[in-house]
Amino acid sequence: GRLAKGTAWLSIFSVLCGSLFLGVCVILLSGVLALAFSHDDAILQTTAQLMPLAALSFVWFGVSAVCTAVLEAGGAAKRALGVRVTCAYCLTVPLSMVLVYLADVGVLGLLWSAVVGHAAAAMESFFR
């Protein structure tokens, strides 16, 4: 009952704080982290541009995972599975096809579609 709800909120809050901290660190250290990949100016610039999207993905991937895990732990395993399947096959895959092939965004479209899919799964799981 009450202890389980407190544990669920603590889990969500912990993951949210941890992923936000990690995201801020990635954004602040994007220039240094880019040097781990290469010293080429074009690669450094591209990597630095992608770091904010990577930081955003850390937040939504973590929150999505913990929210669906809380649903499963609360006895709604079928609902959690439904959330994951719906967001994956009805949102992430079609959006990635549109972004990669029709909008010609390229591989960056895959990451954007994954972020949007996980954000939708997190929101749907959180508000259930």
C-alpha atoms as a PDB file:
ATOM      1  CA  GLY A   1       0.000   0.000   0.000  1.00  0.00           C
ATOM      2  CA  ARG A   2       1.538   3.178   1.303  1.00  0.00           C
ATOM      3  CA  LEU A   3       5.107   1.860   1.463  1.00  0.00           C
ATOM      4  CA  ALA A   4       4.900   0.609  -2.126  1.00  0.00           C
ATOM      5  CA  LYS A   5       3.693   4.006  -3.353  1.00  0.00           C
ATOM      6  CA  GLY A   6       6.513   5.726  -1.484  1.00  0.00           C
ATOM      7  CA  THR A   7       9.046   3.349  -3.008  1.00  0.00           C
ATOM      8  CA  ALA A   8       7.630   3.931  -6.483  1.00  0.00           C
ATOM      9  CA  TRP A   9       7.845   7.716  -6.102  1.00  0.00           C
ATOM     10  CA  LEU A  10      11.369   7.423  -4.691  1.00  0.00           C
ATOM     11  CA  SER A  11      12.402   5.276  -7.663  1.00  0.00           C
ATOM     12  CA  ILE A  12      10.971   7.711 -10.195  1.00  0.00           C
ATOM     13  CA  PHE A  13      12.486  10.712  -8.402  1.00  0.00           C
ATOM     14  CA  SER A  14      15.900   9.019  -8.103  1.00  0.00           C
ATOM     15  CA  VAL A  15      16.052   8.110 -11.774  1.00  0.00           C
ATOM     16  CA  LEU A  16      14.840  11.552 -12.814  1.00  0.00           C
ATOM     17  CA  CYS A  17      17.441  13.322 -10.670  1.00  0.00           C
ATOM     18  CA  GLY A  18      20.226  10.980 -11.734  1.00  0.00           C
ATOM     19  CA  SER A  19      19.448  11.247 -15.419  1.00  0.00           C
ATOM     20  CA  LEU A  20      19.091  15.038 -15.227  1.00  0.00           C
ATOM     21  CA  PHE A  21      22.460  15.242 -13.470  1.00  0.00           C
ATOM     22  CA  LEU A  22      24.040  12.995 -16.091  1.00  0.00           C
ATOM     23  CA  GLY A  23      22.432  15.019 -18.883  1.00  0.00           C
ATOM     24  CA  VAL A  24      23.728  18.307 -17.488  1.00  0.00           C
ATOM     25  CA  CYS A  25      27.211  16.806 -17.125  1.00  0.00           C
ATOM     26  CA  VAL A  26      27.129  15.604 -20.729  1.00  0.00           C
ATOM     27  CA  ILE A  27      26.075  19.041 -21.966  1.00  0.00           C
ATOM     28  CA  LEU A  28      28.695  20.852 -19.874  1.00  0.00           C
ATOM     29  CA  LEU A  29      31.458  18.440 -20.860  1.00  0.00           C
ATOM     30  CA  SER A  30      30.436  18.026 -24.502  1.00  0.00           C
ATOM     31  CA  GLY A  31      33.680  19.534 -25.817  1.00  0.00           C
ATOM     32  CA  VAL A  32      35.833  17.255 -23.675  1.00  0.00           C
ATOM     33  CA  LEU A  33      33.708  14.183 -24.408  1.00  0.00           C
ATOM     34  CA  ALA A  34      33.951  14.852 -28.132  1.00  0.00           C
ATOM     35  CA  LEU A  35      37.748  14.565 -27.881  1.00  0.00           C
ATOM     36  CA  ALA A  36      37.300  10.931 -26.839  1.00  0.00           C
ATOM     37  CA  PHE A  37      36.060  10.162 -30.354  1.00  0.00           C
ATOM     38  CA  SER A  38      38.459  12.129 -32.527  1.00  0.00           C
ATOM     39  CA  HIS A  39      40.508  15.277 -32.914  1.00  0.00           C
ATOM     40  CA  ASP A  40      39.034  16.051 -36.339  1.00  0.00           C
ATOM     41  CA  ASP A  41      37.211  19.404 -36.328  1.00  0.00           C
ATOM     42  CA  ALA A  42      34.161  18.110 -38.241  1.00  0.00           C
ATOM     43  CA  ILE A  43      33.695  15.180 -35.874  1.00  0.00           C
ATOM     44  CA  LEU A  44      34.175  17.416 -32.830  1.00  0.00           C
ATOM     45  CA  GLN A  45      31.526  19.825 -34.084  1.00  0.00           C
ATOM     46  CA  THR A  46      29.044  17.062 -34.940  1.00  0.00           C
ATOM     47  CA  THR A  47      29.566  15.305 -31.616  1.00  0.00           C
ATOM     48  CA  ALA A  48      29.116  18.556 -29.692  1.00  0.00           C
ATOM     49  CA  GLN A  49      25.858  19.211 -31.575  1.00  0.00           C
ATOM     50  CA  LEU A  50      24.514  15.748 -30.723  1.00  0.00           C
ATOM     51  CA  MET A  51      25.270  15.927 -26.996  1.00  0.00           C
ATOM     52  CA  PRO A  52      22.080  17.845 -26.034  1.00  0.00           C
ATOM     53  CA  LEU A  53      20.004  15.193 -27.794  1.00  0.00           C
ATOM     54  CA  ALA A  54      21.989  12.497 -25.984  1.00  0.00           C
ATOM     55  CA  ALA A  55      21.302  14.246 -22.678  1.00  0.00           C
ATOM     56  CA  LEU A  56      17.591  14.377 -23.476  1.00  0.00           C
ATOM     57  CA  SER A  57      17.631  10.693 -24.331  1.00  0.00           C
ATOM     58  CA  PHE A  58      19.209   9.823 -20.956  1.00  0.00           C
ATOM     59  CA  VAL A  59      16.302  11.476 -19.175  1.00  0.00           C
ATOM     60  CA  TRP A  60      13.489   9.890 -21.173  1.00  0.00           C
ATOM     61  CA  PHE A  61      15.063   6.422 -21.429  1.00  0.00           C
ATOM     62  CA  GLY A  62      15.547   6.282 -17.662  1.00  0.00           C
ATOM     63  CA  VAL A  63      12.132   7.670 -16.744  1.00  0.00           C
ATOM     64  CA  SER A  64      10.429   5.361 -19.234  1.00  0.00           C
ATOM     65  CA  ALA A  65      12.175   2.308 -17.820  1.00  0.00           C
ATOM     66  CA  VAL A  66      11.361   3.102 -14.205  1.00  0.00           C
ATOM     67  CA  CYS A  67       7.735   4.082 -14.897  1.00  0.00           C
ATOM     68  CA  THR A  68       6.996   0.851 -16.731  1.00  0.00           C
ATOM     69  CA  ALA A  69       8.841  -1.091 -14.011  1.00  0.00           C
ATOM     70  CA  VAL A  70       6.624   0.556 -11.378  1.00  0.00           C
ATOM     71  CA  LEU A  71       3.578  -0.495 -13.388  1.00  0.00           C
ATOM     72  CA  GLU A  72       4.853  -4.073 -13.493  1.00  0.00           C
ATOM     73  CA  ALA A  73       5.659  -4.086  -9.787  1.00  0.00           C
ATOM     74  CA  GLY A  74       2.174  -2.776  -9.052  1.00  0.00           C
ATOM     75  CA  GLY A  75       0.637  -5.826 -10.676  1.00  0.00           C
ATOM     76  CA  ALA A  76      -0.145  -4.266 -14.039  1.00  0.00           C
ATOM     77  CA  ALA A  77       2.334  -6.260 -16.098  1.00  0.00           C
ATOM     78  CA  LYS A  78      -0.063  -6.561 -19.045  1.00  0.00           C
ATOM     79  CA  ARG A  79      -0.657  -2.822 -19.036  1.00  0.00           C
ATOM     80  CA  ALA A  80       3.113  -2.168 -18.934  1.00  0.00           C
ATOM     81  CA  LEU A  81       3.612  -4.548 -21.846  1.00  0.00           C
ATOM     82  CA  GLY A  82       0.812  -2.819 -23.717  1.00  0.00           C
ATOM     83  CA  VAL A  83       2.455   0.557 -23.151  1.00  0.00           C
ATOM     84  CA  ARG A  84       5.805  -0.692 -24.426  1.00  0.00           C
ATOM     85  CA  VAL A  85       4.388  -2.426 -27.490  1.00  0.00           C
ATOM     86  CA  THR A  86       2.046   0.431 -28.373  1.00  0.00           C
ATOM     87  CA  CYS A  87       4.767   3.059 -28.104  1.00  0.00           C
ATOM     88  CA  ALA A  88       7.296   0.945 -29.965  1.00  0.00           C
ATOM     89  CA  TYR A  89       5.209  -0.311 -32.867  1.00  0.00           C
ATOM     90  CA  CYS A  90       2.627   2.434 -33.189  1.00  0.00           C
ATOM     91  CA  LEU A  91       4.860   5.450 -32.557  1.00  0.00           C
ATOM     92  CA  THR A  92       8.617   4.822 -32.608  1.00  0.00           C
ATOM     93  CA  VAL A  93       8.854   2.599 -35.698  1.00  0.00           C
ATOM     94  CA  PRO A  94       6.516   4.650 -37.930  1.00  0.00           C
ATOM     95  CA  LEU A  95       8.111   7.910 -36.792  1.00  0.00           C
ATOM     96  CA  SER A  96      11.585   6.577 -37.513  1.00  0.00           C
ATOM     97  CA  MET A  97      10.480   5.503 -41.001  1.00  0.00           C
ATOM     98  CA  VAL A  98       9.072   8.963 -41.687  1.00  0.00           C
ATOM     99  CA  LEU A  99      12.124  10.774 -40.328  1.00  0.00           C
ATOM    100  CA  VAL A 100      14.703   8.561 -42.018  1.00  0.00           C
ATOM    101  CA  TYR A 101      13.098   8.033 -45.407  1.00  0.00           C
ATOM    102  CA  LEU A 102      10.553  10.794 -46.021  1.00  0.00           C
ATOM    103  CA  ALA A 103      12.047  13.725 -44.102  1.00  0.00           C
ATOM    104  CA  ASP A 104      15.587  12.617 -45.039  1.00  0.00           C
ATOM    105  CA  VAL A 105      16.897  13.312 -41.531  1.00  0.00           C
ATOM    106  CA  GLY A 106      19.106  10.229 -41.652  1.00  0.00           C
ATOM    107  CA  VAL A 107      20.343   8.330 -38.645  1.00  0.00           C
ATOM    108  CA  LEU A 108      19.540  11.297 -36.407  1.00  0.00           C
ATOM    109  CA  GLY A 109      15.875  10.504 -37.066  1.00  0.00           C
ATOM    110  CA  LEU A 110      16.307   7.132 -35.362  1.00  0.00           C
ATOM    111  CA  LEU A 111      17.504   8.780 -32.170  1.00  0.00           C
ATOM    112  CA  TRP A 112      14.733  11.383 -32.257  1.00  0.00           C
ATOM    113  CA  SER A 113      12.081   8.701 -32.781  1.00  0.00           C
ATOM    114  CA  ALA A 114      13.489   6.655 -29.879  1.00  0.00           C
ATOM    115  CA  VAL A 115      13.391   9.718 -27.611  1.00  0.00           C
ATOM    116  CA  VAL A 116       9.798  10.491 -28.619  1.00  0.00           C
ATOM    117  CA  GLY A 117       8.747   6.855 -28.156  1.00  0.00           C
ATOM    118  CA  HIS A 118      10.302   6.599 -24.707  1.00  0.00           C
ATOM    119  CA  ALA A 119       8.847   9.969 -23.690  1.00  0.00           C
ATOM    120  CA  ALA A 120       5.381   8.782 -24.717  1.00  0.00           C
ATOM    121  CA  ALA A 121       5.845   5.486 -22.851  1.00  0.00           C
ATOM    122  CA  ALA A 122       7.024   7.342 -19.745  1.00  0.00           C
ATOM    123  CA  MET A 123       4.089   9.735 -19.804  1.00  0.00           C
ATOM    124  CA  GLU A 124       1.551   6.987 -20.465  1.00  0.00           C
ATOM    125  CA  SER A 125       2.985   4.807 -17.677  1.00  0.00           C
ATOM    126  CA  PHE A 126       3.273   7.689 -15.237  1.00  0.00           C
ATOM    127  CA  PHE A 127      -0.320   8.836 -15.619  1.00  0.00           C
ATOM    128  CA  ARG A 128      -1.859   5.349 -15.355  1.00  0.00           C
END
